[in-house]
């Protein structure tokens, strides 16, 4: 049902924002004439629901203009009905959690690995809520739920361990998130012990990891002392009590970028946790940042810049972050949304 509705909208988009710039210009003038801001669509990617959300967000903002304009150029043969628009607005509401999580986990100026588990719960809870709305959303969320189950089951333990080092979550928070995610995804129905088993696996994994760091600290120390003891007893004292204390005192006021700073401040008091934090909290939860860096390289090394030395290219990378680079073909409004402009033709129009 939702796939056919999406295809209807893409038919309209292809006609209005496709290869014919004359039609695009007519639509721009028409939208402005009825006091509607024209936005070029963010063409979606089949593998990323966040991009689908962005595409339909730009459409719902100009619903009236698109309906009236397409009725005119199609002589009343508009494939998109009012019901389709209403359904799509609900669909966008559901997909916003994907967009927000993608944006949040794609940050490069704060640790993202300790945030993944919480974002996974937010997505699973959103799917659970929309499943209760209608049979349509039961069908829509089914493949999403299946992928989410796969991600949760195959998620590397690094992310649960990193979440433990987040004073806003810590050990008890990770156990609560594991429980909530498993229940939202109905993983406990087939196996009543599933949640307890996952919590035990998490605790054993983190305890073993702490012991590994403790052993390495003792081995590397010239004095033969780690500064915070070695073994599972000190693990509970060092980790559980300290993180619970930090949660009660200051966790609610923390910003994402300050989580690693806590362990830098407490390095002398908790040397093992500080080393673990440097290793675990610096892992990125998303590949968006690295992909953006490669894309930025392609824009720097263009046909207009063929004489750049390797040093010059490196300096440009360091001095101009990809997100700060201006794009002459796009105009952004005050909210940062792309207004009408010449957008890249989608792959299915190019035949690629």
C-alpha atoms as a PDB file:
ATOM      1  CA  UNK A   1       0.000   0.000   0.000  1.00  0.00           C
ATOM      2  CA  UNK A   2       2.625   2.540   1.032  1.00  0.00           C
ATOM      3  CA  UNK A   3       4.922   1.568  -1.852  1.00  0.00           C
ATOM      4  CA  UNK A   4       2.215   2.294  -4.421  1.00  0.00           C
ATOM      5  CA  UNK A   5       1.503   5.635  -2.740  1.00  0.00           C
ATOM      6  CA  UNK A   6       5.183   6.559  -2.859  1.00  0.00           C
ATOM      7  CA  UNK A   7       5.273   5.731  -6.560  1.00  0.00           C
ATOM      8  CA  UNK A   8       2.301   8.026  -7.162  1.00  0.00           C
ATOM      9  CA  UNK A   9       4.152  10.893  -5.555  1.00  0.00           C
ATOM     10  CA  UNK A  10       7.279  10.125  -7.548  1.00  0.00           C
ATOM     11  CA  UNK A  11       5.207  10.346 -10.731  1.00  0.00           C
ATOM     12  CA  UNK A  12       4.181  13.864  -9.734  1.00  0.00           C
ATOM     13  CA  UNK A  13       7.731  14.772  -8.724  1.00  0.00           C
ATOM     14  CA  UNK A  14       9.160  13.495 -11.985  1.00  0.00           C
ATOM     15  CA  UNK A  15       6.702  15.586 -13.967  1.00  0.00           C
ATOM     16  CA  UNK A  16       7.214  18.792 -11.982  1.00  0.00           C
ATOM     17  CA  UNK A  17      10.883  18.561 -10.947  1.00  0.00           C
ATOM     18  CA  UNK A  18      12.228  16.266 -13.669  1.00  0.00           C
ATOM     19  CA  UNK A  19      14.307  17.204 -16.692  1.00  0.00           C
ATOM     20  CA  UNK A  20      12.091  20.005 -17.993  1.00  0.00           C
ATOM     21  CA  UNK A  21      13.328  23.196 -16.416  1.00  0.00           C
ATOM     22  CA  UNK A  22      10.503  25.168 -18.031  1.00  0.00           C
ATOM     23  CA  UNK A  23       7.933  23.269 -15.940  1.00  0.00           C
ATOM     24  CA  UNK A  24      10.046  23.751 -12.829  1.00  0.00           C
ATOM     25  CA  UNK A  25      10.136  27.502 -13.458  1.00  0.00           C
ATOM     26  CA  UNK A  26       6.371  27.613 -14.055  1.00  0.00           C
ATOM     27  CA  UNK A  27       5.802  25.817 -10.761  1.00  0.00           C
ATOM     28  CA  UNK A  28       8.128  28.192  -8.927  1.00  0.00           C
ATOM     29  CA  UNK A  29       6.219  31.240 -10.184  1.00  0.00           C
ATOM     30  CA  UNK A  30       2.865  29.590  -9.476  1.00  0.00           C
ATOM     31  CA  UNK A  31       3.785  28.663  -5.896  1.00  0.00           C
ATOM     32  CA  UNK A  32       5.063  32.162  -5.168  1.00  0.00           C
ATOM     33  CA  UNK A  33       1.885  33.660  -6.618  1.00  0.00           C
ATOM     34  CA  UNK A  34      -0.213  31.849  -3.980  1.00  0.00           C
ATOM     35  CA  UNK A  35       2.235  32.629  -1.165  1.00  0.00           C
ATOM     36  CA  UNK A  36       3.739  29.139  -0.949  1.00  0.00           C
ATOM     37  CA  UNK A  37       7.504  28.734  -0.692  1.00  0.00           C
ATOM     38  CA  UNK A  38       8.645  26.304  -3.418  1.00  0.00           C
ATOM     39  CA  UNK A  39      11.097  23.629  -2.329  1.00  0.00           C
ATOM     40  CA  UNK A  40      12.963  21.263  -4.597  1.00  0.00           C
ATOM     41  CA  UNK A  41      12.597  17.702  -3.279  1.00  0.00           C
ATOM     42  CA  UNK A  42      15.339  15.806  -1.512  1.00  0.00           C
ATOM     43  CA  UNK A  43      15.274  12.715  -3.719  1.00  0.00           C
ATOM     44  CA  UNK A  44      15.088   9.630  -1.571  1.00  0.00           C
ATOM     45  CA  UNK A  45      17.388   6.634  -1.370  1.00  0.00           C
ATOM     46  CA  UNK A  46      15.714   3.234  -1.262  1.00  0.00           C
ATOM     47  CA  UNK A  47      17.959   2.013   1.555  1.00  0.00           C
ATOM     48  CA  UNK A  48      17.536   5.034   3.853  1.00  0.00           C
ATOM     49  CA  UNK A  49      14.179   5.922   5.372  1.00  0.00           C
ATOM     50  CA  UNK A  50      15.611   9.208   6.619  1.00  0.00           C
ATOM     51  CA  UNK A  51      15.988  10.383   3.011  1.00  0.00           C
ATOM     52  CA  UNK A  52      12.381   9.372   2.280  1.00  0.00           C
ATOM     53  CA  UNK A  53      11.305  11.449   5.261  1.00  0.00           C
ATOM     54  CA  UNK A  54      13.207  14.479   3.962  1.00  0.00           C
ATOM     55  CA  UNK A  55      11.689  14.109   0.511  1.00  0.00           C
ATOM     56  CA  UNK A  56       8.102  14.027   1.752  1.00  0.00           C
ATOM     57  CA  UNK A  57       8.684  16.705   4.368  1.00  0.00           C
ATOM     58  CA  UNK A  58       9.494  19.129   1.559  1.00  0.00           C
ATOM     59  CA  UNK A  59       6.351  18.034  -0.298  1.00  0.00           C
ATOM     60  CA  UNK A  60       3.909  18.361   2.593  1.00  0.00           C
ATOM     61  CA  UNK A  61       5.019  21.965   3.094  1.00  0.00           C
ATOM     62  CA  UNK A  62       3.814  22.813  -0.404  1.00  0.00           C
ATOM     63  CA  UNK A  63       0.869  20.433  -0.631  1.00  0.00           C
ATOM     64  CA  UNK A  64      -1.693  22.974  -1.878  1.00  0.00           C
ATOM     65  CA  UNK A  65       0.620  24.409  -4.541  1.00  0.00           C
ATOM     66  CA  UNK A  66       1.585  20.970  -5.872  1.00  0.00           C
ATOM     67  CA  UNK A  67      -2.021  19.755  -5.968  1.00  0.00           C
ATOM     68  CA  UNK A  68      -3.307  22.802  -7.856  1.00  0.00           C
ATOM     69  CA  UNK A  69      -0.343  23.016 -10.237  1.00  0.00           C
ATOM     70  CA  UNK A  70      -0.372  19.321 -11.146  1.00  0.00           C
ATOM     71  CA  UNK A  71      -4.131  19.387 -11.678  1.00  0.00           C
ATOM     72  CA  UNK A  72      -3.520  22.145 -14.215  1.00  0.00           C
ATOM     73  CA  UNK A  73      -0.707  20.528 -16.206  1.00  0.00           C
ATOM     74  CA  UNK A  74      -2.302  17.058 -16.096  1.00  0.00           C
ATOM     75  CA  UNK A  75      -5.774  18.351 -16.963  1.00  0.00           C
ATOM     76  CA  UNK A  76      -7.297  16.907 -13.795  1.00  0.00           C
ATOM     77  CA  UNK A  77      -5.604  13.503 -14.053  1.00  0.00           C
ATOM     78  CA  UNK A  78      -3.811  13.708 -10.741  1.00  0.00           C
ATOM     79  CA  UNK A  79      -2.792  10.248  -9.413  1.00  0.00           C
ATOM     80  CA  UNK A  80      -2.392  11.571  -5.859  1.00  0.00           C
ATOM     81  CA  UNK A  81      -5.639  11.878  -3.915  1.00  0.00           C
ATOM     82  CA  UNK A  82      -6.371  13.709  -0.664  1.00  0.00           C
ATOM     83  CA  UNK A  83      -6.267  10.342   1.087  1.00  0.00           C
ATOM     84  CA  UNK A  84      -2.753   9.761  -0.272  1.00  0.00           C
ATOM     85  CA  UNK A  85      -1.623  13.131   1.057  1.00  0.00           C
ATOM     86  CA  UNK A  86      -3.102  12.421   4.500  1.00  0.00           C
ATOM     87  CA  UNK A  87      -1.483   8.995   4.575  1.00  0.00           C
ATOM     88  CA  UNK A  88       1.860  10.446   3.544  1.00  0.00           C
ATOM     89  CA  UNK A  89       1.730  13.075   6.281  1.00  0.00           C
ATOM     90  CA  UNK A  90       1.259  10.281   8.833  1.00  0.00           C
ATOM     91  CA  UNK A  91       4.069   8.359   7.203  1.00  0.00           C
ATOM     92  CA  UNK A  92       6.380  11.379   7.506  1.00  0.00           C
ATOM     93  CA  UNK A  93       5.476  11.676  11.177  1.00  0.00           C
ATOM     94  CA  UNK A  94       6.562   8.085  11.705  1.00  0.00           C
ATOM     95  CA  UNK A  95       9.784   8.498   9.709  1.00  0.00           C
ATOM     96  CA  UNK A  96      10.939  11.580  11.598  1.00  0.00           C
ATOM     97  CA  UNK A  97      12.539   9.388  14.242  1.00  0.00           C
ATOM     98  CA  UNK A  98      14.757   7.857  11.526  1.00  0.00           C
ATOM     99  CA  UNK A  99      15.802  11.305  10.338  1.00  0.00           C
ATOM    100  CA  UNK A 100      16.494  12.560  13.859  1.00  0.00           C
ATOM    101  CA  UNK A 101      18.479   9.461  14.818  1.00  0.00           C
ATOM    102  CA  UNK A 102      20.502   9.578  11.605  1.00  0.00           C
ATOM    103  CA  UNK A 103      21.334  13.238  12.181  1.00  0.00           C
ATOM    104  CA  UNK A 104      22.168  12.683  15.850  1.00  0.00           C
ATOM    105  CA  UNK A 105      24.388   9.654  15.222  1.00  0.00           C
ATOM    106  CA  UNK A 106      26.186  11.348  12.325  1.00  0.00           C
ATOM    107  CA  UNK A 107      27.772  14.020  14.522  1.00  0.00           C
ATOM    108  CA  UNK A 108      31.541  14.380  14.487  1.00  0.00           C
ATOM    109  CA  UNK A 109      32.109  16.818  17.354  1.00  0.00           C
ATOM    110  CA  UNK A 110      30.794  14.587  20.156  1.00  0.00           C
ATOM    111  CA  UNK A 111      30.895  10.851  21.007  1.00  0.00           C
ATOM    112  CA  UNK A 112      28.187   8.926  19.156  1.00  0.00           C
ATOM    113  CA  UNK A 113      28.927   5.315  20.127  1.00  0.00           C
ATOM    114  CA  UNK A 114      27.275   5.689  23.580  1.00  0.00           C
ATOM    115  CA  UNK A 115      24.124   7.074  21.932  1.00  0.00           C
ATOM    116  CA  UNK A 116      23.312   4.232  19.558  1.00  0.00           C
ATOM    117  CA  UNK A 117      21.458   2.007  22.025  1.00  0.00           C
ATOM    118  CA  UNK A 118      19.126   4.791  23.112  1.00  0.00           C
ATOM    119  CA  UNK A 119      18.377   5.765  19.491  1.00  0.00           C
ATOM    120  CA  UNK A 120      17.611   2.135  18.708  1.00  0.00           C
ATOM    121  CA  UNK A 121      15.034   2.136  21.477  1.00  0.00           C
ATOM    122  CA  UNK A 122      13.454   5.393  20.218  1.00  0.00           C
ATOM    123  CA  UNK A 123      13.040   3.894  16.738  1.00  0.00           C
ATOM    124  CA  UNK A 124      11.594   0.620  18.040  1.00  0.00           C
ATOM    125  CA  UNK A 125       9.174   2.489  20.310  1.00  0.00           C
ATOM    126  CA  UNK A 126       8.026   4.662  17.381  1.00  0.00           C
ATOM    127  CA  UNK A 127       7.318   1.602  15.232  1.00  0.00           C
ATOM    128  CA  UNK A 128       5.386   0.017  18.088  1.00  0.00           C
ATOM    129  CA  UNK A 129       3.202   3.120  18.474  1.00  0.00           C
ATOM    130  CA  UNK A 130       2.355   3.335  14.773  1.00  0.00           C
ATOM    131  CA  UNK A 131       1.570  -0.370  14.537  1.00  0.00           C
ATOM    132  CA  UNK A 132      -1.391   0.327  16.796  1.00  0.00           C
ATOM    133  CA  UNK A 133      -2.849   2.985  14.472  1.00  0.00           C
ATOM    134  CA  UNK A 134      -4.044   0.917  11.535  1.00  0.00           C
ATOM    135  CA  UNK A 135      -3.468  -2.235   9.517  1.00  0.00           C
ATOM    136  CA  UNK A 136      -1.620  -0.179   6.906  1.00  0.00           C
ATOM    137  CA  UNK A 137       1.104   0.726   9.357  1.00  0.00           C
ATOM    138  CA  UNK A 138       1.322  -2.853  10.569  1.00  0.00           C
ATOM    139  CA  UNK A 139       2.320  -3.778   7.025  1.00  0.00           C
ATOM    140  CA  UNK A 140       4.609  -0.758   6.648  1.00  0.00           C
ATOM    141  CA  UNK A 141       6.512  -1.343   9.871  1.00  0.00           C
ATOM    142  CA  UNK A 142       6.938  -5.095   9.396  1.00  0.00           C
ATOM    143  CA  UNK A 143      10.091  -4.925   7.208  1.00  0.00           C
ATOM    144  CA  UNK A 144      11.437  -2.095   9.359  1.00  0.00           C
ATOM    145  CA  UNK A 145      10.927  -4.182  12.457  1.00  0.00           C
ATOM    146  CA  UNK A 146      12.698  -7.143  10.851  1.00  0.00           C
ATOM    147  CA  UNK A 147      15.730  -4.999  10.049  1.00  0.00           C
ATOM    148  CA  UNK A 148      15.703  -3.525  13.520  1.00  0.00           C
ATOM    149  CA  UNK A 149      15.670  -7.021  15.061  1.00  0.00           C
ATOM    150  CA  UNK A 150      18.646  -7.937  12.895  1.00  0.00           C
ATOM    151  CA  UNK A 151      20.561  -4.785  13.902  1.00  0.00           C
ATOM    152  CA  UNK A 152      19.841  -5.350  17.582  1.00  0.00           C
ATOM    153  CA  UNK A 153      20.874  -9.004  17.552  1.00  0.00           C
ATOM    154  CA  UNK A 154      24.025  -8.342  15.509  1.00  0.00           C
ATOM    155  CA  UNK A 155      24.999  -5.096  17.231  1.00  0.00           C
ATOM    156  CA  UNK A 156      28.650  -5.291  18.360  1.00  0.00           C
ATOM    157  CA  UNK A 157      29.028  -5.284  22.152  1.00  0.00           C
ATOM    158  CA  UNK A 158      31.183  -2.172  21.758  1.00  0.00           C
ATOM    159  CA  UNK A 159      28.030  -0.046  21.673  1.00  0.00           C
ATOM    160  CA  UNK A 160      26.495  -1.426  24.864  1.00  0.00           C
ATOM    161  CA  UNK A 161      29.866  -1.031  26.601  1.00  0.00           C
ATOM    162  CA  UNK A 162      30.165   2.543  25.310  1.00  0.00           C
ATOM    163  CA  UNK A 163      26.641   3.303  26.538  1.00  0.00           C
ATOM    164  CA  UNK A 164      27.701   2.101  29.981  1.00  0.00           C
ATOM    165  CA  UNK A 165      30.392   4.790  30.041  1.00  0.00           C
ATOM    166  CA  UNK A 166      27.747   7.422  29.395  1.00  0.00           C
ATOM    167  CA  UNK A 167      26.901   8.803  32.871  1.00  0.00           C
ATOM    168  CA  UNK A 168      23.386   9.536  31.622  1.00  0.00           C
ATOM    169  CA  UNK A 169      22.852   5.796  31.066  1.00  0.00           C
ATOM    170  CA  UNK A 170      25.444   3.660  32.926  1.00  0.00           C
ATOM    171  CA  UNK A 171      24.938  -0.006  33.770  1.00  0.00           C
ATOM    172  CA  UNK A 172      21.359   0.202  35.016  1.00  0.00           C
ATOM    173  CA  UNK A 173      20.380   2.302  32.010  1.00  0.00           C
ATOM    174  CA  UNK A 174      21.835  -0.202  29.558  1.00  0.00           C
ATOM    175  CA  UNK A 175      19.944  -3.011  31.257  1.00  0.00           C
ATOM    176  CA  UNK A 176      16.736  -0.969  31.060  1.00  0.00           C
ATOM    177  CA  UNK A 177      17.299  -0.159  27.354  1.00  0.00           C
ATOM    178  CA  UNK A 178      17.962  -3.813  26.524  1.00  0.00           C
ATOM    179  CA  UNK A 179      14.691  -4.703  28.250  1.00  0.00           C
ATOM    180  CA  UNK A 180      12.685  -1.986  26.491  1.00  0.00           C
ATOM    181  CA  UNK A 181      14.079  -2.743  23.028  1.00  0.00           C
ATOM    182  CA  UNK A 182      13.507  -6.486  23.407  1.00  0.00           C
ATOM    183  CA  UNK A 183       9.922  -5.912  24.523  1.00  0.00           C
ATOM    184  CA  UNK A 184       9.197  -3.388  21.744  1.00  0.00           C
ATOM    185  CA  UNK A 185      10.477  -5.876  19.179  1.00  0.00           C
ATOM    186  CA  UNK A 186       8.648  -8.784  20.868  1.00  0.00           C
ATOM    187  CA  UNK A 187      11.880 -10.738  21.226  1.00  0.00           C
ATOM    188  CA  UNK A 188      10.797 -11.991  24.635  1.00  0.00           C
ATOM    189  CA  UNK A 189       7.694 -13.795  23.371  1.00  0.00           C
ATOM    190  CA  UNK A 190       9.521 -16.720  21.770  1.00  0.00           C
ATOM    191  CA  UNK A 191      11.961 -17.013  24.652  1.00  0.00           C
ATOM    192  CA  UNK A 192      10.901 -15.911  28.118  1.00  0.00           C
ATOM    193  CA  UNK A 193      14.546 -15.845  29.240  1.00  0.00           C
ATOM    194  CA  UNK A 194      15.763 -13.777  26.297  1.00  0.00           C
ATOM    195  CA  UNK A 195      15.963 -10.459  28.156  1.00  0.00           C
ATOM    196  CA  UNK A 196      17.698 -11.930  31.191  1.00  0.00           C
ATOM    197  CA  UNK A 197      20.176 -13.759  28.940  1.00  0.00           C
ATOM    198  CA  UNK A 198      21.009 -10.561  27.039  1.00  0.00           C
ATOM    199  CA  UNK A 199      21.540  -8.632  30.260  1.00  0.00           C
ATOM    200  CA  UNK A 200      23.833 -11.378  31.572  1.00  0.00           C
ATOM    201  CA  UNK A 201      25.790 -11.364  28.308  1.00  0.00           C
ATOM    202  CA  UNK A 202      26.180  -7.596  28.545  1.00  0.00           C
ATOM    203  CA  UNK A 203      27.402  -7.690  32.153  1.00  0.00           C
ATOM    204  CA  UNK A 204      29.834 -10.522  31.453  1.00  0.00           C
ATOM    205  CA  UNK A 205      31.164  -8.779  28.342  1.00  0.00           C
ATOM    206  CA  UNK A 206      31.774  -5.499  30.096  1.00  0.00           C
ATOM    207  CA  UNK A 207      33.288  -7.176  33.143  1.00  0.00           C
ATOM    208  CA  UNK A 208      35.669  -9.170  30.942  1.00  0.00           C
ATOM    209  CA  UNK A 209      36.567  -6.028  29.004  1.00  0.00           C
ATOM    210  CA  UNK A 210      37.319  -4.170  32.209  1.00  0.00           C
ATOM    211  CA  UNK A 211      39.517  -7.061  33.367  1.00  0.00           C
ATOM    212  CA  UNK A 212      41.434  -6.926  30.075  1.00  0.00           C
ATOM    213  CA  UNK A 213      42.119  -3.216  30.526  1.00  0.00           C
ATOM    214  CA  UNK A 214      43.061  -3.821  34.161  1.00  0.00           C
ATOM    215  CA  UNK A 215      45.541  -6.525  33.183  1.00  0.00           C
ATOM    216  CA  UNK A 216      47.023  -4.295  30.468  1.00  0.00           C
ATOM    217  CA  UNK A 217      47.337  -1.446  32.948  1.00  0.00           C
ATOM    218  CA  UNK A 218      49.138  -3.636  35.462  1.00  0.00           C
ATOM    219  CA  UNK A 219      51.432  -5.027  32.776  1.00  0.00           C
ATOM    220  CA  UNK A 220      52.337  -1.597  31.404  1.00  0.00           C
ATOM    221  CA  UNK A 221      52.806   0.022  34.802  1.00  0.00           C
ATOM    222  CA  UNK A 222      56.396   0.307  35.905  1.00  0.00           C
ATOM    223  CA  UNK A 223      55.350   0.172  39.543  1.00  0.00           C
ATOM    224  CA  UNK A 224      53.171  -2.873  39.040  1.00  0.00           C
ATOM    225  CA  UNK A 225      50.037  -1.065  40.288  1.00  0.00           C
ATOM    226  CA  UNK A 226      47.129   0.032  38.141  1.00  0.00           C
ATOM    227  CA  UNK A 227      45.906   2.841  40.337  1.00  0.00           C
ATOM    228  CA  UNK A 228      42.424   1.430  40.625  1.00  0.00           C
ATOM    229  CA  UNK A 229      43.029  -2.171  41.524  1.00  0.00           C
ATOM    230  CA  UNK A 230      42.615  -5.230  39.345  1.00  0.00           C
ATOM    231  CA  UNK A 231      39.837  -7.717  39.261  1.00  0.00           C
ATOM    232  CA  UNK A 232      36.108  -7.968  39.310  1.00  0.00           C
ATOM    233  CA  UNK A 233      35.610  -6.592  42.826  1.00  0.00           C
ATOM    234  CA  UNK A 234      37.295  -3.311  41.859  1.00  0.00           C
ATOM    235  CA  UNK A 235      35.289  -3.323  38.644  1.00  0.00           C
ATOM    236  CA  UNK A 236      32.076  -2.963  40.618  1.00  0.00           C
ATOM    237  CA  UNK A 237      33.543  -0.315  42.905  1.00  0.00           C
ATOM    238  CA  UNK A 238      35.175   1.619  40.086  1.00  0.00           C
ATOM    239  CA  UNK A 239      32.375   1.467  37.568  1.00  0.00           C
ATOM    240  CA  UNK A 240      28.977   0.929  39.134  1.00  0.00           C
ATOM    241  CA  UNK A 241      29.370   3.185  42.157  1.00  0.00           C
ATOM    242  CA  UNK A 242      31.193   5.941  40.318  1.00  0.00           C
ATOM    243  CA  UNK A 243      28.810   6.111  37.381  1.00  0.00           C
ATOM    244  CA  UNK A 244      25.764   5.997  39.609  1.00  0.00           C
ATOM    245  CA  UNK A 245      27.250   8.829  41.646  1.00  0.00           C
ATOM    246  CA  UNK A 246      27.906  10.878  38.512  1.00  0.00           C
ATOM    247  CA  UNK A 247      24.406  10.177  37.225  1.00  0.00           C
ATOM    248  CA  UNK A 248      22.840  11.532  40.386  1.00  0.00           C
ATOM    249  CA  UNK A 249      25.094  14.608  40.539  1.00  0.00           C
ATOM    250  CA  UNK A 250      25.429  15.893  37.001  1.00  0.00           C
ATOM    251  CA  UNK A 251      24.329  13.511  34.246  1.00  0.00           C
ATOM    252  CA  UNK A 252      21.127  15.390  33.511  1.00  0.00           C
ATOM    253  CA  UNK A 253      23.111  18.537  32.690  1.00  0.00           C
ATOM    254  CA  UNK A 254      25.597  16.856  30.369  1.00  0.00           C
ATOM    255  CA  UNK A 255      25.903  17.743  26.709  1.00  0.00           C
ATOM    256  CA  UNK A 256      26.967  15.031  24.222  1.00  0.00           C
ATOM    257  CA  UNK A 257      30.451  16.562  23.871  1.00  0.00           C
ATOM    258  CA  UNK A 258      31.117  16.599  27.631  1.00  0.00           C
ATOM    259  CA  UNK A 259      30.867  12.841  28.211  1.00  0.00           C
ATOM    260  CA  UNK A 260      34.473  12.157  27.263  1.00  0.00           C
ATOM    261  CA  UNK A 261      35.596  15.197  29.233  1.00  0.00           C
ATOM    262  CA  UNK A 262      34.365  13.665  32.480  1.00  0.00           C
ATOM    263  CA  UNK A 263      36.863  10.835  32.179  1.00  0.00           C
ATOM    264  CA  UNK A 264      39.646  13.247  31.261  1.00  0.00           C
ATOM    265  CA  UNK A 265      38.909  15.188  34.455  1.00  0.00           C
ATOM    266  CA  UNK A 266      38.805  11.980  36.545  1.00  0.00           C
ATOM    267  CA  UNK A 267      41.795  10.282  34.897  1.00  0.00           C
ATOM    268  CA  UNK A 268      43.935  10.320  38.018  1.00  0.00           C
ATOM    269  CA  UNK A 269      41.125   8.859  40.112  1.00  0.00           C
ATOM    270  CA  UNK A 270      39.869   6.312  37.545  1.00  0.00           C
ATOM    271  CA  UNK A 271      42.728   5.574  35.125  1.00  0.00           C
ATOM    272  CA  UNK A 272      41.265   2.344  33.715  1.00  0.00           C
ATOM    273  CA  UNK A 273      37.879   3.850  32.936  1.00  0.00           C
ATOM    274  CA  UNK A 274      39.612   6.822  31.338  1.00  0.00           C
ATOM    275  CA  UNK A 275      41.533   4.568  28.964  1.00  0.00           C
ATOM    276  CA  UNK A 276      38.358   2.621  28.159  1.00  0.00           C
ATOM    277  CA  UNK A 277      36.511   5.871  27.494  1.00  0.00           C
ATOM    278  CA  UNK A 278      39.188   7.064  25.058  1.00  0.00           C
ATOM    279  CA  UNK A 279      38.921   3.792  23.148  1.00  0.00           C
ATOM    280  CA  UNK A 280      35.153   3.230  23.210  1.00  0.00           C
ATOM    281  CA  UNK A 281      33.714   6.740  23.058  1.00  0.00           C
ATOM    282  CA  UNK A 282      35.811   7.784  20.075  1.00  0.00           C
ATOM    283  CA  UNK A 283      34.285   5.125  17.803  1.00  0.00           C
ATOM    284  CA  UNK A 284      31.727   6.652  15.444  1.00  0.00           C
ATOM    285  CA  UNK A 285      28.286   5.056  15.357  1.00  0.00           C
ATOM    286  CA  UNK A 286      27.740   6.050  11.726  1.00  0.00           C
ATOM    287  CA  UNK A 287      29.825   6.048   8.531  1.00  0.00           C
ATOM    288  CA  UNK A 288      28.282   9.341   7.399  1.00  0.00           C
ATOM    289  CA  UNK A 289      31.262  11.391   8.584  1.00  0.00           C
ATOM    290  CA  UNK A 290      33.812   9.293   6.689  1.00  0.00           C
ATOM    291  CA  UNK A 291      31.608   9.177   3.590  1.00  0.00           C
ATOM    292  CA  UNK A 292      31.266  12.956   3.762  1.00  0.00           C
ATOM    293  CA  UNK A 293      35.049  13.311   3.957  1.00  0.00           C
ATOM    294  CA  UNK A 294      35.468  11.304   0.749  1.00  0.00           C
ATOM    295  CA  UNK A 295      32.744  13.353  -0.956  1.00  0.00           C
ATOM    296  CA  UNK A 296      34.485  16.535   0.159  1.00  0.00           C
ATOM    297  CA  UNK A 297      37.727  15.300  -1.395  1.00  0.00           C
ATOM    298  CA  UNK A 298      35.928  14.887  -4.697  1.00  0.00           C
ATOM    299  CA  UNK A 299      34.731  18.484  -4.570  1.00  0.00           C
ATOM    300  CA  UNK A 300      38.185  19.811  -3.685  1.00  0.00           C
ATOM    301  CA  UNK A 301      40.013  17.887  -6.401  1.00  0.00           C
ATOM    302  CA  UNK A 302      37.975  19.127  -9.334  1.00  0.00           C
ATOM    303  CA  UNK A 303      38.861  20.010 -12.917  1.00  0.00           C
ATOM    304  CA  UNK A 304      39.227  23.622 -11.787  1.00  0.00           C
ATOM    305  CA  UNK A 305      41.842  22.648  -9.194  1.00  0.00           C
ATOM    306  CA  UNK A 306      44.376  20.467 -10.950  1.00  0.00           C
ATOM    307  CA  UNK A 307      47.567  22.034  -9.593  1.00  0.00           C
ATOM    308  CA  UNK A 308      46.962  21.560  -5.870  1.00  0.00           C
ATOM    309  CA  UNK A 309      49.786  19.974  -3.920  1.00  0.00           C
ATOM    310  CA  UNK A 310      49.051  17.231  -1.353  1.00  0.00           C
ATOM    311  CA  UNK A 311      49.835  19.697   1.438  1.00  0.00           C
ATOM    312  CA  UNK A 312      47.346  22.224   0.041  1.00  0.00           C
ATOM    313  CA  UNK A 313      44.623  19.574  -0.201  1.00  0.00           C
ATOM    314  CA  UNK A 314      45.238  18.506   3.394  1.00  0.00           C
ATOM    315  CA  UNK A 315      45.100  22.110   4.602  1.00  0.00           C
ATOM    316  CA  UNK A 316      41.777  22.657   2.822  1.00  0.00           C
ATOM    317  CA  UNK A 317      40.363  19.559   4.518  1.00  0.00           C
ATOM    318  CA  UNK A 318      41.415  20.786   7.926  1.00  0.00           C
ATOM    319  CA  UNK A 319      40.305  24.385   7.465  1.00  0.00           C
ATOM    320  CA  UNK A 320      36.945  23.831   5.717  1.00  0.00           C
ATOM    321  CA  UNK A 321      34.625  21.176   7.210  1.00  0.00           C
ATOM    322  CA  UNK A 322      32.279  19.622   4.602  1.00  0.00           C
ATOM    323  CA  UNK A 323      29.178  20.879   6.379  1.00  0.00           C
ATOM    324  CA  UNK A 324      30.424  24.501   6.213  1.00  0.00           C
ATOM    325  CA  UNK A 325      31.037  24.521   2.472  1.00  0.00           C
ATOM    326  CA  UNK A 326      28.659  26.721   0.494  1.00  0.00           C
ATOM    327  CA  UNK A 327      26.673  25.394  -2.425  1.00  0.00           C
ATOM    328  CA  UNK A 328      25.896  28.018  -5.044  1.00  0.00           C
ATOM    329  CA  UNK A 329      23.019  26.016  -6.514  1.00  0.00           C
ATOM    330  CA  UNK A 330      21.052  25.767  -3.279  1.00  0.00           C
ATOM    331  CA  UNK A 331      19.251  28.422  -1.268  1.00  0.00           C
ATOM    332  CA  UNK A 332      18.440  27.756   2.368  1.00  0.00           C
ATOM    333  CA  UNK A 333      15.741  29.379   4.417  1.00  0.00           C
ATOM    334  CA  UNK A 334      16.056  30.391   8.053  1.00  0.00           C
ATOM    335  CA  UNK A 335      15.365  26.833   9.217  1.00  0.00           C
ATOM    336  CA  UNK A 336      18.148  25.432   7.059  1.00  0.00           C
ATOM    337  CA  UNK A 337      15.785  23.870   4.512  1.00  0.00           C
ATOM    338  CA  UNK A 338      16.659  23.910   0.860  1.00  0.00           C
ATOM    339  CA  UNK A 339      14.425  26.184  -1.138  1.00  0.00           C
ATOM    340  CA  UNK A 340      13.726  25.919  -4.818  1.00  0.00           C
ATOM    341  CA  UNK A 341      16.851  25.347  -6.866  1.00  0.00           C
ATOM    342  CA  UNK A 342      18.343  23.062  -9.481  1.00  0.00           C
ATOM    343  CA  UNK A 343      18.553  19.751  -7.666  1.00  0.00           C
ATOM    344  CA  UNK A 344      20.361  16.647  -8.782  1.00  0.00           C
ATOM    345  CA  UNK A 345      18.258  14.424 -11.024  1.00  0.00           C
ATOM    346  CA  UNK A 346      17.395  11.166  -9.225  1.00  0.00           C
ATOM    347  CA  UNK A 347      19.075   7.950 -10.284  1.00  0.00           C
ATOM    348  CA  UNK A 348      15.894   6.398 -11.663  1.00  0.00           C
ATOM    349  CA  UNK A 349      15.551   9.337 -14.096  1.00  0.00           C
ATOM    350  CA  UNK A 350      19.141   8.956 -15.245  1.00  0.00           C
ATOM    351  CA  UNK A 351      18.680   5.261 -15.808  1.00  0.00           C
ATOM    352  CA  UNK A 352      21.345   4.500 -13.180  1.00  0.00           C
END
